[in-house]
Amino acid sequence: GELAMADTIETALAMRQMLTTGESEPNAAAQKQAIEEGDRRVDSLDRGLETLKNEMELRRAITSNSLLKTLERQEIRNSGNQLMQKGNGADEKMGGLEQKEDER
């Protein structure tokens, strides 16, 4: 997701740069209609880039919030499990078996 988004942004920035560079070309600069069209397209790219930026910020915020909630829930589960878990004496039973075998 993020790699595709980065590629899209990189392409849009390159297109924007080409348009602004093209507007400064003497033949294009002399044609008012060409400059207006270039400006319109640059504005469109700027809006698209702003939208992508907002989307990326929202995704980061959601991911960060989800991660924090997951960690909080895990911490609550862990603290609850520590209170509820009781030893079943398995280690003591194994130790007792080993001692009996040693006595033989």
N, C-alpha and C. Protein backbone atom coordinates (compact mmCIF):
# COMPACT_ATOMS: atom_id res chain seq x y z
N GLY A 1 0.78 -1.18 0.00
CA GLY A 1 0.00 0.00 0.00
C GLY A 1 0.84 1.27 0.00
N GLU A 2 1.78 1.35 0.96
CA GLU A 2 2.57 2.58 1.06
C GLU A 2 3.55 2.73 -0.10
N LEU A 3 4.09 1.61 -0.60
CA LEU A 3 5.00 1.69 -1.74
C LEU A 3 4.26 2.18 -2.99
N ALA A 4 3.06 1.67 -3.20
CA ALA A 4 2.26 2.12 -4.34
C ALA A 4 1.91 3.60 -4.19
N MET A 5 1.59 4.01 -2.97
CA MET A 5 1.27 5.41 -2.72
C MET A 5 2.49 6.28 -2.99
N ALA A 6 3.66 5.83 -2.55
CA ALA A 6 4.90 6.59 -2.77
C ALA A 6 5.20 6.71 -4.27
N ASP A 7 4.99 5.63 -5.02
CA ASP A 7 5.20 5.68 -6.47
C ASP A 7 4.23 6.67 -7.13
N THR A 8 2.99 6.66 -6.69
CA THR A 8 1.99 7.57 -7.25
C THR A 8 2.36 9.02 -6.97
N ILE A 9 2.79 9.28 -5.75
CA ILE A 9 3.19 10.65 -5.38
C ILE A 9 4.41 11.08 -6.18
N GLU A 10 5.36 10.18 -6.31
CA GLU A 10 6.57 10.50 -7.08
C GLU A 10 6.23 10.83 -8.54
N THR A 11 5.33 10.06 -9.13
CA THR A 11 4.90 10.31 -10.51
C THR A 11 4.18 11.65 -10.62
N ALA A 12 3.29 11.93 -9.67
CA ALA A 12 2.54 13.19 -9.70
C ALA A 12 3.48 14.39 -9.54
N LEU A 13 4.48 14.27 -8.68
CA LEU A 13 5.44 15.36 -8.50
C LEU A 13 6.27 15.58 -9.77
N ALA A 14 6.64 14.48 -10.43
CA ALA A 14 7.39 14.59 -11.68
C ALA A 14 6.53 15.26 -12.76
N MET A 15 5.26 14.88 -12.83
CA MET A 15 4.36 15.49 -13.81
C MET A 15 4.20 16.98 -13.52
N ARG A 16 4.07 17.31 -12.27
CA ARG A 16 3.92 18.72 -11.87
C ARG A 16 5.16 19.51 -12.29
N GLN A 17 6.33 18.93 -12.05
CA GLN A 17 7.58 19.59 -12.41
C GLN A 17 7.68 19.79 -13.92
N MET A 18 7.25 18.78 -14.70
CA MET A 18 7.28 18.90 -16.16
C MET A 18 6.37 20.03 -16.63
N LEU A 19 5.19 20.12 -16.03
CA LEU A 19 4.25 21.18 -16.42
C LEU A 19 4.80 22.57 -16.11
N THR A 20 5.34 22.74 -14.92
CA THR A 20 5.86 24.06 -14.56
C THR A 20 7.09 24.41 -15.40
N THR A 21 7.91 23.42 -15.71
CA THR A 21 9.06 23.66 -16.58
C THR A 21 8.60 24.02 -17.99
N GLY A 22 7.59 23.31 -18.47
CA GLY A 22 7.05 23.59 -19.81
C GLY A 22 6.46 24.99 -19.93
N GLU A 23 5.87 25.48 -18.83
CA GLU A 23 5.30 26.83 -18.87
C GLU A 23 6.37 27.91 -19.04
N SER A 24 7.57 27.60 -18.61
CA SER A 24 8.65 28.60 -18.73
C SER A 24 9.34 28.54 -20.09
N GLU A 25 9.00 27.56 -20.90
CA GLU A 25 9.56 27.45 -22.25
C GLU A 25 9.04 28.63 -23.07
N PRO A 26 9.91 29.34 -23.80
CA PRO A 26 9.52 30.58 -24.49
C PRO A 26 8.31 30.46 -25.41
N ASN A 27 8.23 29.40 -26.20
CA ASN A 27 7.09 29.26 -27.11
C ASN A 27 5.78 29.08 -26.35
N ALA A 28 5.81 28.29 -25.27
CA ALA A 28 4.60 28.08 -24.48
C ALA A 28 4.26 29.32 -23.67
N ALA A 29 5.28 29.98 -23.14
CA ALA A 29 5.05 31.18 -22.32
C ALA A 29 4.38 32.29 -23.12
N ALA A 30 4.56 32.28 -24.42
CA ALA A 30 3.97 33.31 -25.28
C ALA A 30 2.49 33.04 -25.57
N GLN A 31 2.02 31.83 -25.24
CA GLN A 31 0.63 31.48 -25.54
C GLN A 31 -0.18 31.43 -24.23
N LYS A 32 -1.05 32.39 -24.09
CA LYS A 32 -1.85 32.52 -22.87
C LYS A 32 -2.66 31.26 -22.60
N GLN A 33 -3.25 30.68 -23.64
CA GLN A 33 -4.08 29.48 -23.48
C GLN A 33 -3.25 28.30 -22.95
N ALA A 34 -2.02 28.16 -23.43
CA ALA A 34 -1.15 27.07 -22.97
C ALA A 34 -0.81 27.25 -21.49
N ILE A 35 -0.54 28.48 -21.09
CA ILE A 35 -0.21 28.76 -19.68
C ILE A 35 -1.42 28.48 -18.79
N GLU A 36 -2.61 28.90 -19.24
CA GLU A 36 -3.83 28.66 -18.46
C GLU A 36 -4.09 27.17 -18.29
N GLU A 37 -3.90 26.42 -19.37
CA GLU A 37 -4.10 24.96 -19.31
C GLU A 37 -3.06 24.32 -18.39
N GLY A 38 -1.83 24.77 -18.48
CA GLY A 38 -0.78 24.25 -17.59
C GLY A 38 -1.10 24.54 -16.14
N ASP A 39 -1.55 25.77 -15.86
CA ASP A 39 -1.92 26.14 -14.49
C ASP A 39 -3.08 25.29 -13.98
N ARG A 40 -4.05 25.05 -14.86
CA ARG A 40 -5.21 24.23 -14.48
C ARG A 40 -4.77 22.81 -14.10
N ARG A 41 -3.86 22.27 -14.88
CA ARG A 41 -3.38 20.91 -14.61
C ARG A 41 -2.50 20.85 -13.36
N VAL A 42 -1.70 21.88 -13.15
CA VAL A 42 -0.88 21.94 -11.93
C VAL A 42 -1.78 22.02 -10.71
N ASP A 43 -2.84 22.83 -10.79
CA ASP A 43 -3.80 22.93 -9.68
C ASP A 43 -4.47 21.59 -9.41
N SER A 44 -4.80 20.88 -10.48
CA SER A 44 -5.42 19.56 -10.34
C SER A 44 -4.47 18.58 -9.66
N LEU A 45 -3.21 18.60 -10.08
CA LEU A 45 -2.21 17.73 -9.45
C LEU A 45 -2.02 18.10 -7.98
N ASP A 46 -2.00 19.40 -7.68
CA ASP A 46 -1.85 19.85 -6.29
C ASP A 46 -3.01 19.34 -5.42
N ARG A 47 -4.23 19.40 -5.95
CA ARG A 47 -5.38 18.89 -5.20
C ARG A 47 -5.25 17.38 -4.98
N GLY A 48 -4.82 16.66 -6.01
CA GLY A 48 -4.63 15.22 -5.88
C GLY A 48 -3.56 14.88 -4.86
N LEU A 49 -2.46 15.63 -4.89
CA LEU A 49 -1.38 15.39 -3.92
C LEU A 49 -1.84 15.69 -2.50
N GLU A 50 -2.62 16.73 -2.33
CA GLU A 50 -3.15 17.07 -1.00
C GLU A 50 -4.08 15.97 -0.50
N THR A 51 -4.89 15.43 -1.40
CA THR A 51 -5.79 14.33 -1.04
C THR A 51 -4.99 13.10 -0.62
N LEU A 52 -3.95 12.77 -1.38
CA LEU A 52 -3.10 11.63 -1.03
C LEU A 52 -2.42 11.85 0.32
N LYS A 53 -1.95 13.06 0.56
CA LYS A 53 -1.31 13.38 1.83
C LYS A 53 -2.28 13.17 2.99
N ASN A 54 -3.50 13.67 2.84
CA ASN A 54 -4.51 13.50 3.89
C ASN A 54 -4.83 12.03 4.12
N GLU A 55 -4.92 11.27 3.03
CA GLU A 55 -5.21 9.84 3.14
C GLU A 55 -4.09 9.12 3.89
N MET A 56 -2.84 9.45 3.56
CA MET A 56 -1.71 8.82 4.25
C MET A 56 -1.70 9.17 5.73
N GLU A 57 -2.00 10.42 6.07
CA GLU A 57 -2.04 10.83 7.47
C GLU A 57 -3.14 10.09 8.22
N LEU A 58 -4.30 9.94 7.58
CA LEU A 58 -5.39 9.19 8.21
C LEU A 58 -5.01 7.73 8.43
N ARG A 59 -4.39 7.13 7.44
CA ARG A 59 -3.97 5.73 7.58
C ARG A 59 -2.98 5.56 8.73
N ARG A 60 -2.03 6.49 8.83
CA ARG A 60 -1.05 6.42 9.92
C ARG A 60 -1.73 6.58 11.27
N ALA A 61 -2.66 7.51 11.36
CA ALA A 61 -3.37 7.74 12.62
C ALA A 61 -4.18 6.51 13.02
N ILE A 62 -4.87 5.91 12.05
CA ILE A 62 -5.67 4.72 12.33
C ILE A 62 -4.77 3.57 12.75
N THR A 63 -3.68 3.37 12.02
CA THR A 63 -2.74 2.29 12.34
C THR A 63 -2.15 2.49 13.72
N SER A 64 -1.74 3.70 14.02
CA SER A 64 -1.15 4.00 15.32
C SER A 64 -2.17 3.76 16.43
N ASN A 65 -3.39 4.23 16.23
CA ASN A 65 -4.44 4.07 17.22
C ASN A 65 -4.77 2.59 17.42
N SER A 66 -4.85 1.84 16.32
CA SER A 66 -5.14 0.40 16.41
C SER A 66 -4.05 -0.33 17.16
N LEU A 67 -2.80 0.03 16.88
CA LEU A 67 -1.68 -0.60 17.56
C LEU A 67 -1.72 -0.32 19.05
N LEU A 68 -1.99 0.93 19.42
CA LEU A 68 -2.07 1.28 20.84
C LEU A 68 -3.19 0.53 21.53
N LYS A 69 -4.35 0.44 20.89
CA LYS A 69 -5.49 -0.29 21.47
C LYS A 69 -5.15 -1.76 21.65
N THR A 70 -4.50 -2.34 20.65
CA THR A 70 -4.11 -3.75 20.72
C THR A 70 -3.16 -3.98 21.88
N LEU A 71 -2.17 -3.11 22.03
CA LEU A 71 -1.22 -3.24 23.14
C LEU A 71 -1.90 -3.07 24.49
N GLU A 72 -2.82 -2.11 24.59
CA GLU A 72 -3.55 -1.91 25.84
C GLU A 72 -4.37 -3.15 26.19
N ARG A 73 -5.06 -3.70 25.21
CA ARG A 73 -5.88 -4.90 25.45
C ARG A 73 -5.01 -6.08 25.86
N GLN A 74 -3.86 -6.23 25.21
CA GLN A 74 -2.97 -7.33 25.56
C GLN A 74 -2.45 -7.16 26.98
N GLU A 75 -2.14 -5.93 27.37
CA GLU A 75 -1.67 -5.68 28.73
C GLU A 75 -2.75 -6.01 29.74
N ILE A 76 -3.99 -5.66 29.44
CA ILE A 76 -5.11 -5.98 30.33
C ILE A 76 -5.27 -7.49 30.44
N ARG A 77 -5.20 -8.19 29.30
CA ARG A 77 -5.31 -9.65 29.32
C ARG A 77 -4.19 -10.28 30.15
N ASN A 78 -2.97 -9.78 29.93
CA ASN A 78 -1.83 -10.34 30.66
C ASN A 78 -1.98 -10.13 32.16
N SER A 79 -2.39 -8.94 32.57
CA SER A 79 -2.53 -8.68 34.01
C SER A 79 -3.67 -9.53 34.58
N GLY A 80 -4.74 -9.72 33.82
CA GLY A 80 -5.84 -10.56 34.28
C GLY A 80 -5.43 -12.01 34.37
N ASN A 81 -4.65 -12.48 33.42
CA ASN A 81 -4.20 -13.88 33.44
C ASN A 81 -3.24 -14.14 34.59
N GLN A 82 -2.42 -13.19 34.94
CA GLN A 82 -1.49 -13.38 36.05
C GLN A 82 -2.24 -13.55 37.36
N LEU A 83 -3.34 -12.85 37.51
CA LEU A 83 -4.13 -12.97 38.73
C LEU A 83 -4.86 -14.30 38.79
N MET A 84 -5.27 -14.84 37.64
CA MET A 84 -6.08 -16.04 37.60
C MET A 84 -5.26 -17.32 37.55
N GLN A 85 -4.05 -17.26 37.04
CA GLN A 85 -3.26 -18.47 36.88
C GLN A 85 -2.75 -18.97 38.23
N LYS A 86 -2.91 -20.24 38.43
CA LYS A 86 -2.39 -20.87 39.64
C LYS A 86 -1.54 -22.05 39.20
N GLY A 87 -0.53 -22.30 39.95
CA GLY A 87 0.33 -23.43 39.61
C GLY A 87 -0.43 -24.73 39.77
N ASN A 88 -0.24 -25.64 38.83
CA ASN A 88 -0.92 -26.93 38.92
C ASN A 88 -0.02 -27.98 39.56
N GLY A 89 1.15 -27.57 39.99
CA GLY A 89 2.04 -28.49 40.67
C GLY A 89 2.74 -29.46 39.74
N ALA A 90 2.71 -29.22 38.45
CA ALA A 90 3.33 -30.14 37.50
C ALA A 90 4.83 -30.26 37.76
N ASP A 91 5.49 -29.15 38.06
CA ASP A 91 6.92 -29.19 38.34
C ASP A 91 7.20 -30.02 39.59
N GLU A 92 6.38 -29.84 40.59
CA GLU A 92 6.57 -30.61 41.83
C GLU A 92 6.34 -32.10 41.57
N LYS A 93 5.33 -32.44 40.79
CA LYS A 93 5.04 -33.84 40.48
C LYS A 93 6.19 -34.47 39.70
N MET A 94 6.74 -33.71 38.72
CA MET A 94 7.86 -34.23 37.95
C MET A 94 9.07 -34.44 38.85
N GLY A 95 9.29 -33.48 39.73
CA GLY A 95 10.41 -33.61 40.67
C GLY A 95 10.23 -34.83 41.57
N GLY A 96 9.00 -35.09 41.98
CA GLY A 96 8.71 -36.26 42.81
C GLY A 96 8.98 -37.55 42.07
N LEU A 97 8.63 -37.61 40.79
CA LEU A 97 8.89 -38.80 39.99
C LEU A 97 10.38 -39.04 39.84
N GLU A 98 11.12 -37.96 39.62
CA GLU A 98 12.57 -38.10 39.47
C GLU A 98 13.20 -38.61 40.76
N GLN A 99 12.71 -38.14 41.89
CA GLN A 99 13.27 -38.59 43.16
C GLN A 99 12.97 -40.06 43.38
N LYS A 100 11.77 -40.52 43.01
CA LYS A 100 11.41 -41.92 43.18
C LYS A 100 12.30 -42.80 42.31
N GLU A 101 12.60 -42.34 41.10
CA GLU A 101 13.46 -43.13 40.22
C GLU A 101 14.87 -43.19 40.79
N ASP A 102 15.34 -42.09 41.39
CA ASP A 102 16.68 -42.07 41.97
C ASP A 102 16.76 -43.00 43.17
N GLU A 103 15.66 -43.19 43.90
CA GLU A 103 15.64 -44.03 45.08
C GLU A 103 15.71 -45.50 44.71
N ARG A 104 15.33 -45.84 43.52
CA ARG A 104 15.32 -47.26 43.11
C ARG A 104 16.67 -47.81 42.93
